[in-house]
Amino acid sequence: DVNLETVEDGFQGNFSGFCLGYGEEPSDPPMLATGGEGYISIVHDGVETGITPMWNIHGSLSESTRTISMVYEETNPEPSQETCLWSLMYVIHGVPEGDWTVEARGDSANATVLPPL
């Protein structure tokens, strides 16, 4: 499993996000990845779910394919009938140096991770 850390104050303690405004379109491409020293920062736009979500975000790392597969698991016991396109932000820590692809909900982005200082 990969380690997540808060980008800014957010729910669940390991990511933050906000509902895009009505009529606002997600960015293109919808997922952006920025590599750093031992980490990858993710911004993922257009994640469709209810307007009051509860999520568990987790993932797995494959060094053989240089891929990190993220899962956005909805855990709200009473999901909203109204939907929203969310912009999620999180940081994946403990990533070995090199080129990586991060995948989630059919979207993907590439980043180069530098060795930690």
PDB file of N, CA and C in Angstrom:
ATOM      1  N   ASP A   1       0.827  -1.188   0.000  1.00  0.00           N
ATOM      2  CA  ASP A   1       0.000   0.000   0.000  1.00  0.00           C
ATOM      3  C   ASP A   1       0.867   1.245   0.000  1.00  0.00           C
ATOM      4  N   VAL A   2       0.315   2.325  -0.510  1.00  0.00           N
ATOM      5  CA  VAL A   2       1.041   3.591  -0.555  1.00  0.00           C
ATOM      6  C   VAL A   2       0.647   4.451   0.643  1.00  0.00           C
ATOM      7  N   ASN A   3       1.502   5.398   0.997  1.00  0.00           N
ATOM      8  CA  ASN A   3       1.238   6.301   2.112  1.00  0.00           C
ATOM      9  C   ASN A   3       0.708   7.616   1.580  1.00  0.00           C
ATOM     10  N   LEU A   4      -0.406   8.090   2.170  1.00  0.00           N
ATOM     11  CA  LEU A   4      -0.988   9.363   1.778  1.00  0.00           C
ATOM     12  C   LEU A   4      -0.805  10.368   2.899  1.00  0.00           C
ATOM     13  N   GLU A   5      -0.674  11.622   2.534  1.00  0.00           N
ATOM     14  CA  GLU A   5      -0.571  12.685   3.519  1.00  0.00           C
ATOM     15  C   GLU A   5      -1.366  13.871   3.016  1.00  0.00           C
ATOM     16  N   THR A   6      -1.933  14.629   3.937  1.00  0.00           N
ATOM     17  CA  THR A   6      -2.762  15.768   3.616  1.00  0.00           C
ATOM     18  C   THR A   6      -2.009  16.834   2.823  1.00  0.00           C
ATOM     19  N   VAL A   7      -2.660  17.392   1.813  1.00  0.00           N
ATOM     20  CA  VAL A   7      -2.121  18.530   1.081  1.00  0.00           C
ATOM     21  C   VAL A   7      -2.502  19.809   1.843  1.00  0.00           C
ATOM     22  N   GLU A   8      -3.718  19.859   2.287  1.00  0.00           N
ATOM     23  CA  GLU A   8      -4.233  20.956   3.104  1.00  0.00           C
ATOM     24  C   GLU A   8      -5.336  20.345   3.947  1.00  0.00           C
ATOM     25  N   ASP A   9      -5.952  21.126   4.843  1.00  0.00           N
ATOM     26  CA  ASP A   9      -6.997  20.559   5.695  1.00  0.00           C
ATOM     27  C   ASP A   9      -8.065  19.907   4.827  1.00  0.00           C
ATOM     28  N   GLY A  10      -8.372  18.663   5.112  1.00  0.00           N
ATOM     29  CA  GLY A  10      -9.365  17.942   4.325  1.00  0.00           C
ATOM     30  C   GLY A  10     -10.035  16.892   5.174  1.00  0.00           C
ATOM     31  N   PHE A  11     -11.041  16.251   4.640  1.00  0.00           N
ATOM     32  CA  PHE A  11     -11.725  15.216   5.375  1.00  0.00           C
ATOM     33  C   PHE A  11     -10.945  13.909   5.300  1.00  0.00           C
ATOM     34  N   GLN A  12     -11.189  13.018   6.231  1.00  0.00           N
ATOM     35  CA  GLN A  12     -10.515  11.722   6.339  1.00  0.00           C
ATOM     36  C   GLN A  12      -9.037  11.877   6.690  1.00  0.00           C
ATOM     37  N   GLY A  13      -8.512  13.074   6.785  1.00  0.00           N
ATOM     38  CA  GLY A  13      -7.147  13.307   7.207  1.00  0.00           C
ATOM     39  C   GLY A  13      -6.068  12.988   6.187  1.00  0.00           C
ATOM     40  N   ASN A  14      -6.409  12.454   5.023  1.00  0.00           N
ATOM     41  CA  ASN A  14      -5.348  12.099   4.081  1.00  0.00           C
ATOM     42  C   ASN A  14      -5.532  12.673   2.680  1.00  0.00           C
ATOM     43  N   PHE A  15      -6.521  13.520   2.483  1.00  0.00           N
ATOM     44  CA  PHE A  15      -6.703  14.161   1.183  1.00  0.00           C
ATOM     45  C   PHE A  15      -7.637  15.337   1.381  1.00  0.00           C
ATOM     46  N   SER A  16      -7.713  16.185   0.406  1.00  0.00           N
ATOM     47  CA  SER A  16      -8.682  17.269   0.452  1.00  0.00           C
ATOM     48  C   SER A  16      -9.377  17.351  -0.894  1.00  0.00           C
ATOM     49  N   GLY A  17     -10.478  18.051  -0.944  1.00  0.00           N
ATOM     50  CA  GLY A  17     -11.204  18.155  -2.193  1.00  0.00           C
ATOM     51  C   GLY A  17     -12.324  19.160  -2.108  1.00  0.00           C
ATOM     52  N   PHE A  18     -12.897  19.483  -3.258  1.00  0.00           N
ATOM     53  CA  PHE A  18     -14.036  20.380  -3.308  1.00  0.00           C
ATOM     54  C   PHE A  18     -14.863  20.042  -4.530  1.00  0.00           C
ATOM     55  N   CYS A  19     -16.141  20.387  -4.442  1.00  0.00           N
ATOM     56  CA  CYS A  19     -17.071  20.165  -5.546  1.00  0.00           C
ATOM     57  C   CYS A  19     -16.893  21.287  -6.548  1.00  0.00           C
ATOM     58  N   LEU A  20     -16.683  20.941  -7.816  1.00  0.00           N
ATOM     59  CA  LEU A  20     -16.586  21.948  -8.866  1.00  0.00           C
ATOM     60  C   LEU A  20     -17.926  22.671  -8.974  1.00  0.00           C
ATOM     61  N   GLY A  21     -17.909  23.944  -9.307  1.00  0.00           N
ATOM     62  CA  GLY A  21     -19.139  24.711  -9.432  1.00  0.00           C
ATOM     63  C   GLY A  21     -20.024  24.171 -10.543  1.00  0.00           C
ATOM     64  N   TYR A  22     -21.333  24.388 -10.421  1.00  0.00           N
ATOM     65  CA  TYR A  22     -22.254  23.913 -11.446  1.00  0.00           C
ATOM     66  C   TYR A  22     -21.893  24.528 -12.785  1.00  0.00           C
ATOM     67  N   GLY A  23     -21.780  23.708 -13.792  1.00  0.00           N
ATOM     68  CA  GLY A  23     -21.410  24.152 -15.123  1.00  0.00           C
ATOM     69  C   GLY A  23     -19.907  24.264 -15.326  1.00  0.00           C
ATOM     70  N   GLU A  24     -19.132  24.140 -14.243  1.00  0.00           N
ATOM     71  CA  GLU A  24     -17.671  24.209 -14.350  1.00  0.00           C
ATOM     72  C   GLU A  24     -17.151  22.876 -14.860  1.00  0.00           C
ATOM     73  N   GLU A  25     -16.276  22.931 -15.836  1.00  0.00           N
ATOM     74  CA  GLU A  25     -15.734  21.713 -16.434  1.00  0.00           C
ATOM     75  C   GLU A  25     -14.428  21.311 -15.748  1.00  0.00           C
ATOM     76  N   PRO A  26     -14.176  20.001 -15.622  1.00  0.00           N
ATOM     77  CA  PRO A  26     -12.885  19.560 -15.086  1.00  0.00           C
ATOM     78  C   PRO A  26     -11.746  19.952 -16.016  1.00  0.00           C
ATOM     79  N   SER A  27     -10.558  20.010 -15.464  1.00  0.00           N
ATOM     80  CA  SER A  27      -9.393  20.355 -16.282  1.00  0.00           C
ATOM     81  C   SER A  27      -9.143  19.271 -17.322  1.00  0.00           C
ATOM     82  N   ASP A  28      -8.377  19.606 -18.343  1.00  0.00           N
ATOM     83  CA  ASP A  28      -8.030  18.652 -19.382  1.00  0.00           C
ATOM     84  C   ASP A  28      -6.517  18.692 -19.564  1.00  0.00           C
ATOM     85  N   PRO A  29      -5.806  17.641 -19.209  1.00  0.00           N
ATOM     86  CA  PRO A  29      -6.286  16.348 -18.743  1.00  0.00           C
ATOM     87  C   PRO A  29      -6.818  16.442 -17.313  1.00  0.00           C
ATOM     88  N   PRO A  30      -7.700  15.490 -16.927  1.00  0.00           N
ATOM     89  CA  PRO A  30      -8.331  15.563 -15.616  1.00  0.00           C
ATOM     90  C   PRO A  30      -7.398  15.243 -14.444  1.00  0.00           C
ATOM     91  N   MET A  31      -6.289  14.552 -14.696  1.00  0.00           N
ATOM     92  CA  MET A  31      -5.379  14.195 -13.611  1.00  0.00           C
ATOM     93  C   MET A  31      -4.005  14.787 -13.878  1.00  0.00           C
ATOM     94  N   LEU A  32      -3.464  15.470 -12.862  1.00  0.00           N
ATOM     95  CA  LEU A  32      -2.122  16.029 -12.951  1.00  0.00           C
ATOM     96  C   LEU A  32      -1.273  15.442 -11.827  1.00  0.00           C
ATOM     97  N   ALA A  33      -0.047  15.061 -12.149  1.00  0.00           N
ATOM     98  CA  ALA A  33       0.877  14.494 -11.166  1.00  0.00           C
ATOM     99  C   ALA A  33       2.167  15.297 -11.200  1.00  0.00           C
ATOM    100  N   THR A  34       2.668  15.641 -10.023  1.00  0.00           N
ATOM    101  CA  THR A  34       3.923  16.376  -9.905  1.00  0.00           C
ATOM    102  C   THR A  34       4.839  15.596  -8.972  1.00  0.00           C
ATOM    103  N   GLY A  35       6.006  15.197  -9.483  1.00  0.00           N
ATOM    104  CA  GLY A  35       6.954  14.436  -8.674  1.00  0.00           C
ATOM    105  C   GLY A  35       7.851  15.341  -7.859  1.00  0.00           C
ATOM    106  N   GLY A  36       8.278  14.837  -6.720  1.00  0.00           N
ATOM    107  CA  GLY A  36       9.200  15.546  -5.850  1.00  0.00           C
ATOM    108  C   GLY A  36      10.219  14.579  -5.289  1.00  0.00           C
ATOM    109  N   GLU A  37      10.775  14.906  -4.166  1.00  0.00           N
ATOM    110  CA  GLU A  37      11.799  14.074  -3.533  1.00  0.00           C
ATOM    111  C   GLU A  37      11.135  12.989  -2.695  1.00  0.00           C
ATOM    112  N   GLY A  38      10.865  11.844  -3.333  1.00  0.00           N
ATOM    113  CA  GLY A  38      10.241  10.708  -2.657  1.00  0.00           C
ATOM    114  C   GLY A  38       8.726  10.743  -2.609  1.00  0.00           C
ATOM    115  N   TYR A  39       8.093  11.649  -3.364  1.00  0.00           N
ATOM    116  CA  TYR A  39       6.637  11.738  -3.332  1.00  0.00           C
ATOM    117  C   TYR A  39       6.083  12.153  -4.691  1.00  0.00           C
ATOM    118  N   ILE A  40       4.761  11.956  -4.852  1.00  0.00           N
ATOM    119  CA  ILE A  40       4.018  12.453  -6.013  1.00  0.00           C
ATOM    120  C   ILE A  40       2.782  13.167  -5.488  1.00  0.00           C
ATOM    121  N   SER A  41       2.586  14.402  -5.939  1.00  0.00           N
ATOM    122  CA  SER A  41       1.410  15.190  -5.588  1.00  0.00           C
ATOM    123  C   SER A  41       0.384  15.042  -6.714  1.00  0.00           C
ATOM    124  N   ILE A  42      -0.877  14.766  -6.356  1.00  0.00           N
ATOM    125  CA  ILE A  42      -1.934  14.512  -7.339  1.00  0.00           C
ATOM    126  C   ILE A  42      -3.047  15.542  -7.203  1.00  0.00           C
ATOM    127  N   VAL A  43      -3.526  16.024  -8.347  1.00  0.00           N
ATOM    128  CA  VAL A  43      -4.782  16.771  -8.443  1.00  0.00           C
ATOM    129  C   VAL A  43      -5.612  16.026  -9.475  1.00  0.00           C
ATOM    130  N   HIS A  44      -6.792  15.544  -9.058  1.00  0.00           N
ATOM    131  CA  HIS A  44      -7.649  14.756  -9.943  1.00  0.00           C
ATOM    132  C   HIS A  44      -9.016  15.432 -10.016  1.00  0.00           C
ATOM    133  N   ASP A  45      -9.333  16.026 -11.172  1.00  0.00           N
ATOM    134  CA  ASP A  45     -10.600  16.725 -11.399  1.00  0.00           C
ATOM    135  C   ASP A  45     -11.631  15.793 -12.021  1.00  0.00           C
ATOM    136  N   GLY A  46     -12.902  16.105 -11.746  1.00  0.00           N
ATOM    137  CA  GLY A  46     -13.992  15.407 -12.423  1.00  0.00           C
ATOM    138  C   GLY A  46     -14.334  14.053 -11.850  1.00  0.00           C
ATOM    139  N   VAL A  47     -14.029  13.816 -10.569  1.00  0.00           N
ATOM    140  CA  VAL A  47     -14.380  12.545  -9.923  1.00  0.00           C
ATOM    141  C   VAL A  47     -15.846  12.647  -9.507  1.00  0.00           C
ATOM    142  N   GLU A  48     -16.711  11.911 -10.195  1.00  0.00           N
ATOM    143  CA  GLU A  48     -18.146  12.038  -9.949  1.00  0.00           C
ATOM    144  C   GLU A  48     -18.584  11.190  -8.768  1.00  0.00           C
ATOM    145  N   THR A  49     -19.295  11.834  -7.850  1.00  0.00           N
ATOM    146  CA  THR A  49     -19.866  11.143  -6.700  1.00  0.00           C
ATOM    147  C   THR A  49     -20.931  12.059  -6.103  1.00  0.00           C
ATOM    148  N   GLY A  50     -21.507  11.647  -4.990  1.00  0.00           N
ATOM    149  CA  GLY A  50     -22.532  12.457  -4.335  1.00  0.00           C
ATOM    150  C   GLY A  50     -21.970  13.760  -3.804  1.00  0.00           C
ATOM    151  N   ILE A  51     -22.876  14.696  -3.457  1.00  0.00           N
ATOM    152  CA  ILE A  51     -22.417  15.998  -2.988  1.00  0.00           C
ATOM    153  C   ILE A  51     -21.919  15.958  -1.543  1.00  0.00           C
ATOM    154  N   THR A  52     -22.191  14.881  -0.823  1.00  0.00           N
ATOM    155  CA  THR A  52     -21.693  14.738   0.552  1.00  0.00           C
ATOM    156  C   THR A  52     -20.948  13.408   0.693  1.00  0.00           C
ATOM    157  N   PRO A  53     -19.828  13.253   0.006  1.00  0.00           N
ATOM    158  CA  PRO A  53     -19.145  11.958   0.021  1.00  0.00           C
ATOM    159  C   PRO A  53     -18.329  11.737   1.293  1.00  0.00           C
ATOM    160  N   MET A  54     -18.086  10.485   1.554  1.00  0.00           N
ATOM    161  CA  MET A  54     -17.100  10.058   2.538  1.00  0.00           C
ATOM    162  C   MET A  54     -16.250   9.044   1.791  1.00  0.00           C
ATOM    163  N   TRP A  55     -14.945   9.215   1.795  1.00  0.00           N
ATOM    164  CA  TRP A  55     -14.075   8.366   1.002  1.00  0.00           C
ATOM    165  C   TRP A  55     -12.945   7.783   1.815  1.00  0.00           C
ATOM    166  N   ASN A  56     -12.505   6.645   1.379  1.00  0.00           N
ATOM    167  CA  ASN A  56     -11.247   6.058   1.813  1.00  0.00           C
ATOM    168  C   ASN A  56     -10.412   5.974   0.539  1.00  0.00           C
ATOM    169  N   ILE A  57      -9.328   6.726   0.494  1.00  0.00           N
ATOM    170  CA  ILE A  57      -8.457   6.699  -0.679  1.00  0.00           C
ATOM    171  C   ILE A  57      -7.236   5.864  -0.331  1.00  0.00           C
ATOM    172  N   HIS A  58      -6.984   4.842  -1.143  1.00  0.00           N
ATOM    173  CA  HIS A  58      -5.817   3.983  -0.908  1.00  0.00           C
ATOM    174  C   HIS A  58      -5.291   3.505  -2.243  1.00  0.00           C
ATOM    175  N   GLY A  59      -4.124   2.900  -2.238  1.00  0.00           N
ATOM    176  CA  GLY A  59      -3.553   2.466  -3.496  1.00  0.00           C
ATOM    177  C   GLY A  59      -2.449   1.451  -3.311  1.00  0.00           C
ATOM    178  N   SER A  60      -1.976   0.933  -4.424  1.00  0.00           N
ATOM    179  CA  SER A  60      -0.874  -0.036  -4.414  1.00  0.00           C
ATOM    180  C   SER A  60       0.138   0.363  -5.477  1.00  0.00           C
ATOM    181  N   LEU A  61       1.372   0.016  -5.214  1.00  0.00           N
ATOM    182  CA  LEU A  61       2.490   0.405  -6.064  1.00  0.00           C
ATOM    183  C   LEU A  61       3.120  -0.853  -6.655  1.00  0.00           C
ATOM    184  N   SER A  62       3.337  -0.866  -7.961  1.00  0.00           N
ATOM    185  CA  SER A  62       4.003  -1.973  -8.640  1.00  0.00           C
ATOM    186  C   SER A  62       5.317  -1.473  -9.222  1.00  0.00           C
ATOM    187  N   GLU A  63       6.420  -1.906  -8.635  1.00  0.00           N
ATOM    188  CA  GLU A  63       7.723  -1.480  -9.166  1.00  0.00           C
ATOM    189  C   GLU A  63       8.000  -2.105 -10.526  1.00  0.00           C
ATOM    190  N   SER A  64       7.446  -3.291 -10.804  1.00  0.00           N
ATOM    191  CA  SER A  64       7.714  -3.941 -12.091  1.00  0.00           C
ATOM    192  C   SER A  64       7.090  -3.180 -13.260  1.00  0.00           C
ATOM    193  N   THR A  65       5.900  -2.580 -13.058  1.00  0.00           N
ATOM    194  CA  THR A  65       5.249  -1.821 -14.134  1.00  0.00           C
ATOM    195  C   THR A  65       5.390  -0.310 -13.938  1.00  0.00           C
ATOM    196  N   ARG A  66       6.000   0.104 -12.806  1.00  0.00           N
ATOM    197  CA  ARG A  66       6.184   1.529 -12.482  1.00  0.00           C
ATOM    198  C   ARG A  66       4.837   2.251 -12.455  1.00  0.00           C
ATOM    199  N   THR A  67       3.836   1.571 -11.869  1.00  0.00           N
ATOM    200  CA  THR A  67       2.475   2.090 -11.808  1.00  0.00           C
ATOM    201  C   THR A  67       1.989   2.121 -10.369  1.00  0.00           C
ATOM    202  N   ILE A  68       1.277   3.198 -10.031  1.00  0.00           N
ATOM    203  CA  ILE A  68       0.591   3.309  -8.747  1.00  0.00           C
ATOM    204  C   ILE A  68      -0.896   3.343  -9.054  1.00  0.00           C
ATOM    205  N   SER A  69      -1.630   2.344  -8.571  1.00  0.00           N
ATOM    206  CA  SER A  69      -3.067   2.246  -8.825  1.00  0.00           C
ATOM    207  C   SER A  69      -3.810   2.726  -7.583  1.00  0.00           C
ATOM    208  N   MET A  70      -4.562   3.816  -7.741  1.00  0.00           N
ATOM    209  CA  MET A  70      -5.303   4.398  -6.628  1.00  0.00           C
ATOM    210  C   MET A  70      -6.765   3.988  -6.701  1.00  0.00           C
ATOM    211  N   VAL A  71      -7.379   3.813  -5.521  1.00  0.00           N
ATOM    212  CA  VAL A  71      -8.790   3.451  -5.410  1.00  0.00           C
ATOM    213  C   VAL A  71      -9.477   4.512  -4.563  1.00  0.00           C
ATOM    214  N   TYR A  72     -10.586   5.050  -5.064  1.00  0.00           N
ATOM    215  CA  TYR A  72     -11.404   5.994  -4.312  1.00  0.00           C
ATOM    216  C   TYR A  72     -12.644   5.226  -3.864  1.00  0.00           C
ATOM    217  N   GLU A  73     -12.629   4.755  -2.643  1.00  0.00           N
ATOM    218  CA  GLU A  73     -13.720   3.940  -2.123  1.00  0.00           C
ATOM    219  C   GLU A  73     -14.708   4.835  -1.384  1.00  0.00           C
ATOM    220  N   GLU A  74     -15.951   4.864  -1.859  1.00  0.00           N
ATOM    221  CA  GLU A  74     -16.983   5.662  -1.206  1.00  0.00           C
ATOM    222  C   GLU A  74     -17.514   4.885   0.000  1.00  0.00           C
ATOM    223  N   THR A  75     -17.523   5.548   1.160  1.00  0.00           N
ATOM    224  CA  THR A  75     -17.904   4.861   2.400  1.00  0.00           C
ATOM    225  C   THR A  75     -19.100   5.498   3.089  1.00  0.00           C
ATOM    226  N   ASN A  76     -19.763   6.472   2.454  1.00  0.00           N
ATOM    227  CA  ASN A  76     -20.909   7.135   3.072  1.00  0.00           C
ATOM    228  C   ASN A  76     -22.063   6.146   3.195  1.00  0.00           C
ATOM    229  N   PRO A  77     -22.547   5.882   4.438  1.00  0.00           N
ATOM    230  CA  PRO A  77     -23.652   4.927   4.599  1.00  0.00           C
ATOM    231  C   PRO A  77     -24.973   5.430   4.021  1.00  0.00           C
ATOM    232  N   GLU A  78     -25.093   6.755   3.837  1.00  0.00           N
ATOM    233  CA  GLU A  78     -26.299   7.347   3.248  1.00  0.00           C
ATOM    234  C   GLU A  78     -25.902   8.258   2.097  1.00  0.00           C
ATOM    235  N   PRO A  79     -25.529   7.679   0.943  1.00  0.00           N
ATOM    236  CA  PRO A  79     -25.061   8.502  -0.180  1.00  0.00           C
ATOM    237  C   PRO A  79     -26.134   9.461  -0.678  1.00  0.00           C
ATOM    238  N   SER A  80     -25.689  10.621  -1.129  1.00  0.00           N
ATOM    239  CA  SER A  80     -26.581  11.639  -1.662  1.00  0.00           C
ATOM    240  C   SER A  80     -27.080  11.219  -3.041  1.00  0.00           C
ATOM    241  N   GLN A  81     -28.314  11.590  -3.344  1.00  0.00           N
ATOM    242  CA  GLN A  81     -28.861  11.328  -4.676  1.00  0.00           C
ATOM    243  C   GLN A  81     -28.351  12.341  -5.688  1.00  0.00           C
ATOM    244  N   GLU A  82     -27.964  13.544  -5.215  1.00  0.00           N
ATOM    245  CA  GLU A  82     -27.398  14.554  -6.103  1.00  0.00           C
ATOM    246  C   GLU A  82     -25.917  14.247  -6.311  1.00  0.00           C
ATOM    247  N   THR A  83     -25.441  14.466  -7.525  1.00  0.00           N
ATOM    248  CA  THR A  83     -24.032  14.200  -7.794  1.00  0.00           C
ATOM    249  C   THR A  83     -23.279  15.497  -8.061  1.00  0.00           C
ATOM    250  N   CYS A  84     -21.973  15.374  -7.996  1.00  0.00           N
ATOM    251  CA  CYS A  84     -21.082  16.512  -8.161  1.00  0.00           C
ATOM    252  C   CYS A  84     -19.782  15.993  -8.756  1.00  0.00           C
ATOM    253  N   LEU A  85     -19.099  16.848  -9.508  1.00  0.00           N
ATOM    254  CA  LEU A  85     -17.760  16.527  -9.987  1.00  0.00           C
ATOM    255  C   LEU A  85     -16.766  17.117  -8.993  1.00  0.00           C
ATOM    256  N   TRP A  86     -15.979  16.247  -8.361  1.00  0.00           N
ATOM    257  CA  TRP A  86     -15.041  16.662  -7.321  1.00  0.00           C
ATOM    258  C   TRP A  86     -13.637  16.847  -7.869  1.00  0.00           C
ATOM    259  N   SER A  87     -12.900  17.742  -7.267  1.00  0.00           N
ATOM    260  CA  SER A  87     -11.474  17.890  -7.496  1.00  0.00           C
ATOM    261  C   SER A  87     -10.786  17.396  -6.230  1.00  0.00           C
ATOM    262  N   LEU A  88     -10.007  16.324  -6.350  1.00  0.00           N
ATOM    263  CA  LEU A  88      -9.321  15.729  -5.203  1.00  0.00           C
ATOM    264  C   LEU A  88      -7.841  16.058  -5.257  1.00  0.00           C
ATOM    265  N   MET A  89      -7.241  16.282  -4.096  1.00  0.00           N
ATOM    266  CA  MET A  89      -5.811  16.587  -3.999  1.00  0.00           C
ATOM    267  C   MET A  89      -5.209  15.725  -2.895  1.00  0.00           C
ATOM    268  N   TYR A  90      -4.107  15.045  -3.208  1.00  0.00           N
ATOM    269  CA  TYR A  90      -3.427  14.245  -2.198  1.00  0.00           C
ATOM    270  C   TYR A  90      -1.979  14.042  -2.602  1.00  0.00           C
ATOM    271  N   VAL A  91      -1.185  13.571  -1.654  1.00  0.00           N
ATOM    272  CA  VAL A  91       0.240  13.333  -1.875  1.00  0.00           C
ATOM    273  C   VAL A  91       0.546  11.877  -1.532  1.00  0.00           C
ATOM    274  N   ILE A  92       1.247  11.199  -2.434  1.00  0.00           N
ATOM    275  CA  ILE A  92       1.666   9.809  -2.219  1.00  0.00           C
ATOM    276  C   ILE A  92       3.130   9.851  -1.790  1.00  0.00           C
ATOM    277  N   HIS A  93       3.409   9.369  -0.601  1.00  0.00           N
ATOM    278  CA  HIS A  93       4.772   9.404  -0.054  1.00  0.00           C
ATOM    279  C   HIS A  93       5.449   8.041  -0.144  1.00  0.00           C
ATOM    280  N   GLY A  94       6.755   8.038  -0.051  1.00  0.00           N
ATOM    281  CA  GLY A  94       7.518   6.792  -0.051  1.00  0.00           C
ATOM    282  C   GLY A  94       7.662   6.160  -1.417  1.00  0.00           C
ATOM    283  N   VAL A  95       7.584   6.972  -2.462  1.00  0.00           N
ATOM    284  CA  VAL A  95       7.687   6.459  -3.832  1.00  0.00           C
ATOM    285  C   VAL A  95       9.162   6.412  -4.230  1.00  0.00           C
ATOM    286  N   PRO A  96       9.639   5.258  -4.704  1.00  0.00           N
ATOM    287  CA  PRO A  96      11.026   5.178  -5.161  1.00  0.00           C
ATOM    288  C   PRO A  96      11.283   6.116  -6.344  1.00  0.00           C
ATOM    289  N   GLU A  97      12.516   6.546  -6.497  1.00  0.00           N
ATOM    290  CA  GLU A  97      12.843   7.476  -7.571  1.00  0.00           C
ATOM    291  C   GLU A  97      12.626   6.838  -8.939  1.00  0.00           C
ATOM    292  N   GLY A  98      12.391   7.708  -9.929  1.00  0.00           N
ATOM    293  CA  GLY A  98      12.186   7.252 -11.300  1.00  0.00           C
ATOM    294  C   GLY A  98      10.867   7.756 -11.859  1.00  0.00           C
ATOM    295  N   ASP A  99      10.532   7.270 -13.048  1.00  0.00           N
ATOM    296  CA  ASP A  99       9.303   7.657 -13.739  1.00  0.00           C
ATOM    297  C   ASP A  99       8.159   6.732 -13.325  1.00  0.00           C
ATOM    298  N   TRP A 100       7.005   7.344 -13.008  1.00  0.00           N
ATOM    299  CA  TRP A 100       5.841   6.596 -12.532  1.00  0.00           C
ATOM    300  C   TRP A 100       4.581   7.047 -13.253  1.00  0.00           C
ATOM    301  N   THR A 101       3.613   6.124 -13.356  1.00  0.00           N
ATOM    302  CA  THR A 101       2.271   6.440 -13.832  1.00  0.00           C
ATOM    303  C   THR A 101       1.315   6.208 -12.675  1.00  0.00           C
ATOM    304  N   VAL A 102       0.467   7.191 -12.391  1.00  0.00           N
ATOM    305  CA  VAL A 102      -0.563   7.060 -11.368  1.00  0.00           C
ATOM    306  C   VAL A 102      -1.896   6.910 -12.084  1.00  0.00           C
ATOM    307  N   GLU A 103      -2.672   5.897 -11.689  1.00  0.00           N
ATOM    308  CA  GLU A 103      -3.971   5.626 -12.312  1.00  0.00           C
ATOM    309  C   GLU A 103      -5.066   5.660 -11.254  1.00  0.00           C
ATOM    310  N   ALA A 104      -6.243   6.207 -11.641  1.00  0.00           N
ATOM    311  CA  ALA A 104      -7.413   6.211 -10.766  1.00  0.00           C
ATOM    312  C   ALA A 104      -8.658   6.468 -11.589  1.00  0.00           C
ATOM    313  N   ARG A 105      -9.651   5.636 -11.419  1.00  0.00           N
ATOM    314  CA  ARG A 105     -10.957   5.791 -12.073  1.00  0.00           C
ATOM    315  C   ARG A 105     -10.864   6.067 -13.568  1.00  0.00           C
ATOM    316  N   GLY A 106      -9.982   5.346 -14.245  1.00  0.00           N
ATOM    317  CA  GLY A 106      -9.870   5.461 -15.696  1.00  0.00           C
ATOM    318  C   GLY A 106      -8.996   6.600 -16.196  1.00  0.00           C
ATOM    319  N   ASP A 107      -8.490   7.432 -15.295  1.00  0.00           N
ATOM    320  CA  ASP A 107      -7.585   8.516 -15.684  1.00  0.00           C
ATOM    321  C   ASP A 107      -6.176   8.167 -15.246  1.00  0.00           C
ATOM    322  N   SER A 108      -5.178   8.812 -15.859  1.00  0.00           N
ATOM    323  CA  SER A 108      -3.792   8.556 -15.469  1.00  0.00           C
ATOM    324  C   SER A 108      -2.944   9.800 -15.713  1.00  0.00           C
ATOM    325  N   ALA A 109      -1.802   9.833 -15.014  1.00  0.00           N
ATOM    326  CA  ALA A 109      -0.849  10.931 -15.170  1.00  0.00           C
ATOM    327  C   ALA A 109       0.538  10.399 -14.859  1.00  0.00           C
ATOM    328  N   ASN A 110       1.562  11.037 -15.438  1.00  0.00           N
ATOM    329  CA  ASN A 110       2.949  10.609 -15.244  1.00  0.00           C
ATOM    330  C   ASN A 110       3.718  11.636 -14.424  1.00  0.00           C
ATOM    331  N   ALA A 111       4.686  11.133 -13.652  1.00  0.00           N
ATOM    332  CA  ALA A 111       5.540  12.011 -12.844  1.00  0.00           C
ATOM    333  C   ALA A 111       6.897  11.351 -12.664  1.00  0.00           C
ATOM    334  N   THR A 112       7.916  12.182 -12.482  1.00  0.00           N
ATOM    335  CA  THR A 112       9.258  11.696 -12.175  1.00  0.00           C
ATOM    336  C   THR A 112       9.554  12.022 -10.712  1.00  0.00           C
ATOM    337  N   VAL A 113       9.933  10.986  -9.961  1.00  0.00           N
ATOM    338  CA  VAL A 113      10.236  11.139  -8.548  1.00  0.00           C
ATOM    339  C   VAL A 113      11.747  11.226  -8.380  1.00  0.00           C
ATOM    340  N   LEU A 114      12.182  12.208  -7.616  1.00  0.00           N
ATOM    341  CA  LEU A 114      13.601  12.404  -7.321  1.00  0.00           C
ATOM    342  C   LEU A 114      13.956  11.644  -6.046  1.00  0.00           C
ATOM    343  N   PRO A 115      15.240  11.321  -5.871  1.00  0.00           N
ATOM    344  CA  PRO A 115      15.616  10.651  -4.621  1.00  0.00           C
ATOM    345  C   PRO A 115      15.398  11.585  -3.443  1.00  0.00           C
ATOM    346  N   PRO A 116      14.966  11.035  -2.272  1.00  0.00           N
ATOM    347  CA  PRO A 116      14.788  11.890  -1.106  1.00  0.00           C
ATOM    348  C   PRO A 116      16.123  12.491  -0.655  1.00  0.00           C
ATOM    349  N   LEU A 117      16.069  13.676  -0.089  1.00  0.00           N
ATOM    350  CA  LEU A 117      17.276  14.335   0.408  1.00  0.00           C
ATOM    351  C   LEU A 117      17.773  13.663   1.662  1.00  0.00           C
TER     352      LEU A 117
END
